[in-house]
Amino acid sequence: MRNYLVLPVVLTGVLLTQQACAGQAVPAGSTSGLGAATPVTAPAARAAESSAAQAQPAGRAAKAPAQSATRAAKGPGAAAGGVLSGTRQVFILPKNNEATVAVDASMRAGLSDDFGNRALFVFTPEGDRYSIKTAKLRVGNKPTNETYCLAVKSRKVVATSCDSADDNQLFYVLKSGTNSGKPTYVIRTKDYVFLRVATPTSNLSATKIEEGTADAGADFLLPDRGKATLPALD
């Protein structure tokens, strides 16, 4: 009889001990037992997720300078179909002047009231600068011959054989403002020699204007006169 009474008591004690262990709280910061994995792993996982989320915008931001560099390399206004894209022929009109830039019989570029073929030009991107090619005027006046390029020579602007390695034929074309809602541009070499119309000659000249000084007479409009017909585009 005594053996039957002892066994239930022992089993009851074992069950109570297991329940007490299962319900025991693990002190904060404890490094013992399985419960210690919960407060350590969860913040680590959240930190990892946070780092991954922060890495995504950083990756996108890192691409922005490269994209900006690409746009700069193409030159301002070189968007497809624009007047500086190399695919359009334009007039070069001095701001507040009724004349236009044209190439005369002596191959000098100056102001003229002739808005014909000699006054049409194509701004062709060359890295971050442009060559200014004659749109209709050809060597020997043959439509399939080479075009001429504007160049700065001894404070004059002339039309000569194109040479993309000649800095005197490569121009920065920078937007300077607007005139009657139309964009205006300044055109200069890397040495700050500007195409300019100013007194006393009141004609087109190439004038060195130091950075930060007044550049009156150096603003031009570039109205679009249709698709360019350079030999390479025919």
Protein backbone atom coordinates (compact mmCIF):
# COMPACT_ATOMS: atom_id res chain seq x y z
CA MET A 1 0.00 0.00 0.00
CA ARG A 2 2.79 2.50 0.81
CA ASN A 3 4.35 1.98 -2.63
CA TYR A 4 1.15 3.13 -4.37
CA LEU A 5 1.13 6.37 -2.36
CA VAL A 6 4.76 7.31 -3.07
CA LEU A 7 4.54 7.12 -6.90
CA PRO A 8 1.78 9.78 -7.35
CA VAL A 9 3.62 12.11 -5.01
CA VAL A 10 6.85 11.81 -7.02
CA LEU A 11 5.09 12.36 -10.34
CA THR A 12 3.28 15.38 -8.96
CA GLY A 13 6.59 16.89 -7.84
CA VAL A 14 8.16 16.39 -11.27
CA LEU A 15 5.25 18.08 -13.05
CA LEU A 16 5.30 21.07 -10.73
CA THR A 17 9.05 21.49 -11.22
CA GLN A 18 8.71 21.47 -15.07
CA GLN A 19 5.88 24.03 -14.98
CA ALA A 20 7.91 26.33 -12.75
CA CYS A 21 10.92 26.12 -15.11
CA ALA A 22 8.77 26.77 -18.19
CA GLY A 23 7.22 29.88 -16.65
CA GLN A 24 10.49 31.31 -15.30
CA ALA A 25 11.31 34.74 -16.77
CA VAL A 26 14.80 35.30 -18.18
CA PRO A 27 16.37 38.47 -16.73
CA ALA A 28 17.11 41.25 -19.20
CA GLY A 29 20.61 41.01 -20.55
CA SER A 30 20.95 37.34 -19.64
CA THR A 31 23.32 35.38 -21.90
CA SER A 32 22.24 31.94 -20.73
CA GLY A 33 19.42 29.76 -22.11
CA LEU A 34 17.47 29.95 -25.40
CA GLY A 35 15.60 33.03 -24.23
CA ALA A 36 18.82 35.08 -24.53
CA ALA A 37 18.71 34.76 -28.37
CA THR A 38 15.55 36.83 -28.68
CA PRO A 39 16.72 40.27 -27.41
CA VAL A 40 20.06 39.96 -29.23
CA THR A 41 18.94 38.62 -32.63
CA ALA A 42 15.93 40.91 -33.20
CA PRO A 43 17.82 44.24 -32.92
CA ALA A 44 20.60 42.80 -35.08
CA ALA A 45 18.08 41.81 -37.74
CA ARG A 46 16.41 45.20 -37.58
CA ALA A 47 19.81 46.90 -37.87
CA ALA A 48 20.66 44.76 -40.90
CA GLU A 49 17.31 45.61 -42.52
CA SER A 50 17.88 49.30 -41.78
CA SER A 51 21.38 49.17 -43.34
CA ALA A 52 19.99 47.47 -46.43
CA ALA A 53 17.24 50.07 -46.75
CA GLN A 54 19.77 52.89 -46.43
CA ALA A 55 22.06 51.32 -49.00
CA GLN A 56 19.36 51.49 -51.71
CA PRO A 57 19.04 55.31 -51.83
CA ALA A 58 22.81 55.64 -51.54
CA GLY A 59 23.18 53.51 -54.64
CA ARG A 60 20.73 55.66 -56.54
CA ALA A 61 22.42 58.85 -55.37
CA ALA A 62 25.79 57.55 -56.49
CA LYS A 63 24.51 57.39 -60.07
CA ALA A 64 23.44 61.03 -60.15
CA PRO A 65 26.91 62.60 -60.66
CA ALA A 66 27.63 60.20 -63.53
CA GLN A 67 24.36 61.14 -65.21
CA SER A 68 25.10 64.82 -64.71
CA ALA A 69 28.58 64.31 -66.15
CA THR A 70 27.06 62.65 -69.20
CA ARG A 71 24.69 65.55 -69.77
CA ALA A 72 27.52 68.04 -69.39
CA ALA A 73 29.71 66.17 -71.84
CA LYS A 74 27.03 66.40 -74.49
CA GLY A 75 26.92 70.15 -74.17
CA PRO A 76 24.08 72.45 -73.07
CA GLY A 77 21.05 72.28 -75.36
CA ALA A 78 22.31 69.23 -77.25
CA ALA A 79 19.03 67.38 -76.78
CA ALA A 80 17.79 65.40 -79.75
CA GLY A 81 16.25 67.75 -82.30
CA GLY A 82 17.37 70.95 -80.54
CA VAL A 83 19.15 73.86 -82.20
CA LEU A 84 22.42 72.67 -80.68
CA SER A 85 21.98 69.01 -81.62
CA GLY A 86 23.89 69.13 -84.91
CA THR A 87 20.75 68.22 -86.84
CA ARG A 88 19.18 71.69 -87.30
CA GLN A 89 20.23 74.72 -89.33
CA VAL A 90 19.92 78.09 -87.61
CA PHE A 91 20.49 81.80 -88.01
CA ILE A 92 22.88 83.54 -85.62
CA LEU A 93 21.04 86.75 -84.74
CA PRO A 94 22.64 89.37 -82.50
CA LYS A 95 20.29 90.47 -79.74
CA ASN A 96 18.54 93.79 -80.50
CA ASN A 97 19.87 93.86 -84.05
CA GLU A 98 18.05 93.49 -87.36
CA ALA A 99 21.00 91.89 -89.17
CA THR A 100 22.25 88.31 -89.05
CA VAL A 101 25.66 86.66 -89.19
CA ALA A 102 26.62 85.54 -92.70
CA VAL A 103 29.78 84.56 -94.61
CA ASP A 104 30.76 87.05 -97.32
CA ALA A 105 32.66 86.49 -100.57
CA SER A 106 36.01 86.91 -98.79
CA MET A 107 35.00 84.10 -96.34
CA ARG A 108 34.71 86.45 -93.40
CA ALA A 109 31.71 86.14 -91.09
CA GLY A 110 30.02 89.45 -90.36
CA LEU A 111 26.65 91.14 -90.11
CA SER A 112 24.47 91.08 -93.18
CA ASP A 113 20.90 91.65 -94.31
CA ASP A 114 21.22 88.54 -96.52
CA PHE A 115 19.22 85.80 -94.80
CA GLY A 116 20.01 83.25 -97.52
CA ASN A 117 22.26 80.20 -97.64
CA ARG A 118 25.34 82.07 -96.43
CA ALA A 119 23.59 82.87 -93.16
CA LEU A 120 22.67 79.31 -92.19
CA PHE A 121 24.80 77.38 -89.70
CA VAL A 122 24.80 74.04 -87.89
CA PHE A 123 26.04 73.81 -84.29
CA THR A 124 27.66 70.38 -84.06
CA PRO A 125 28.53 69.00 -80.58
CA GLU A 126 32.22 68.24 -80.05
CA GLY A 127 32.40 67.03 -76.43
CA ASP A 128 31.38 69.99 -74.28
CA ARG A 129 31.99 72.47 -77.11
CA TYR A 130 30.65 73.00 -80.62
CA SER A 131 31.91 73.51 -84.12
CA ILE A 132 29.83 76.01 -86.10
CA LYS A 133 29.49 74.66 -89.63
CA THR A 134 28.07 76.32 -92.71
CA ALA A 135 24.77 74.63 -93.45
CA LYS A 136 24.53 75.41 -97.18
CA LEU A 137 27.82 77.02 -98.15
CA ARG A 138 30.13 74.33 -99.55
CA VAL A 139 33.64 74.11 -100.94
CA GLY A 140 33.23 75.10 -104.60
CA ASN A 141 29.50 75.60 -103.91
CA LYS A 142 28.85 71.91 -104.64
CA PRO A 143 26.16 70.47 -102.33
CA THR A 144 28.06 67.21 -101.71
CA ASN A 145 31.39 68.87 -100.86
CA GLU A 146 32.71 69.53 -97.38
CA THR A 147 31.31 72.30 -95.25
CA TYR A 148 33.28 75.18 -93.73
CA CYS A 149 33.65 75.94 -90.03
CA LEU A 150 33.75 79.30 -88.29
CA ALA A 151 37.07 80.09 -86.62
CA VAL A 152 38.62 82.94 -84.67
CA LYS A 153 41.66 84.48 -86.35
CA SER A 154 43.24 87.79 -85.33
CA ARG A 155 40.06 89.15 -83.71
CA LYS A 156 38.07 88.24 -86.80
CA VAL A 157 35.63 85.42 -87.45
CA VAL A 158 36.24 83.54 -90.69
CA ALA A 159 34.98 80.44 -92.46
CA THR A 160 37.72 77.90 -93.07
CA SER A 161 38.29 74.17 -93.57
CA CYS A 162 37.00 72.24 -90.59
CA ASP A 163 39.54 70.86 -88.11
CA SER A 164 38.12 69.40 -84.88
CA ALA A 165 41.58 69.61 -83.26
CA ASP A 166 41.75 73.39 -83.72
CA ASP A 167 40.69 75.16 -80.51
CA ASN A 168 39.98 78.31 -82.53
CA GLN A 169 37.12 76.42 -84.21
CA LEU A 170 35.57 75.04 -81.02
CA PHE A 171 33.15 77.17 -79.02
CA TYR A 172 31.34 77.04 -75.74
CA VAL A 173 27.69 77.96 -76.31
CA LEU A 174 26.14 79.06 -73.02
CA LYS A 175 22.59 80.17 -72.37
CA SER A 176 22.66 83.76 -71.16
CA GLY A 177 18.99 84.69 -70.78
CA THR A 178 15.92 85.35 -72.91
CA ASN A 179 14.71 87.93 -75.40
CA SER A 180 10.97 88.15 -76.07
CA GLY A 181 10.66 84.68 -74.56
CA LYS A 182 13.37 83.17 -76.78
CA PRO A 183 16.65 81.87 -75.28
CA THR A 184 19.82 83.86 -75.90
CA TYR A 185 23.36 82.49 -75.90
CA VAL A 186 26.95 83.67 -75.61
CA ILE A 187 29.51 82.02 -77.87
CA ARG A 188 33.16 81.93 -76.82
CA THR A 189 36.39 79.98 -77.12
CA LYS A 190 38.09 78.35 -74.14
CA ASP A 191 40.31 81.46 -73.88
CA TYR A 192 37.29 83.72 -73.28
CA VAL A 193 37.32 85.16 -76.78
CA PHE A 194 33.67 86.00 -77.45
CA LEU A 195 31.78 86.44 -80.68
CA ARG A 196 30.47 89.96 -80.23
CA VAL A 197 28.74 92.84 -81.97
CA ALA A 198 29.68 96.13 -80.37
CA THR A 199 30.78 99.66 -81.13
CA PRO A 200 32.71 101.25 -82.73
CA THR A 201 32.66 98.78 -85.63
CA SER A 202 29.07 97.57 -85.09
CA ASN A 203 30.09 94.37 -86.82
CA LEU A 204 30.91 90.85 -85.72
CA SER A 205 34.27 90.56 -83.97
CA ALA A 206 36.15 88.17 -81.73
CA THR A 207 36.88 89.96 -78.46
CA LYS A 208 38.64 88.69 -75.36
CA ILE A 209 36.48 89.43 -72.34
CA GLU A 210 37.87 88.40 -68.98
CA GLU A 211 35.61 86.33 -66.77
CA GLY A 212 33.40 88.48 -64.56
CA THR A 213 33.52 91.61 -66.76
CA ALA A 214 30.68 93.06 -68.81
CA ASP A 215 29.99 91.26 -72.07
CA ALA A 216 27.59 93.68 -73.78
CA GLY A 217 26.92 92.83 -77.39
CA ALA A 218 27.73 89.13 -76.94
CA ASP A 219 24.17 87.73 -76.81
CA PHE A 220 22.73 85.87 -79.79
CA LEU A 221 19.47 84.18 -80.68
CA LEU A 222 19.56 80.92 -82.66
CA PRO A 223 16.21 80.58 -84.47
CA ASP A 224 15.60 77.16 -85.98
CA ARG A 225 15.40 77.15 -89.78
CA GLY A 226 14.74 73.47 -90.38
CA LYS A 227 16.59 70.19 -90.77
CA ALA A 228 20.30 70.44 -91.52
CA THR A 229 21.48 69.18 -94.89
CA LEU A 230 25.15 68.66 -94.15
CA PRO A 231 26.69 65.95 -96.37
CA ALA A 232 26.87 63.49 -93.47
CA LEU A 233 23.14 63.94 -92.83
CA ASP A 234 21.93 63.60 -96.44
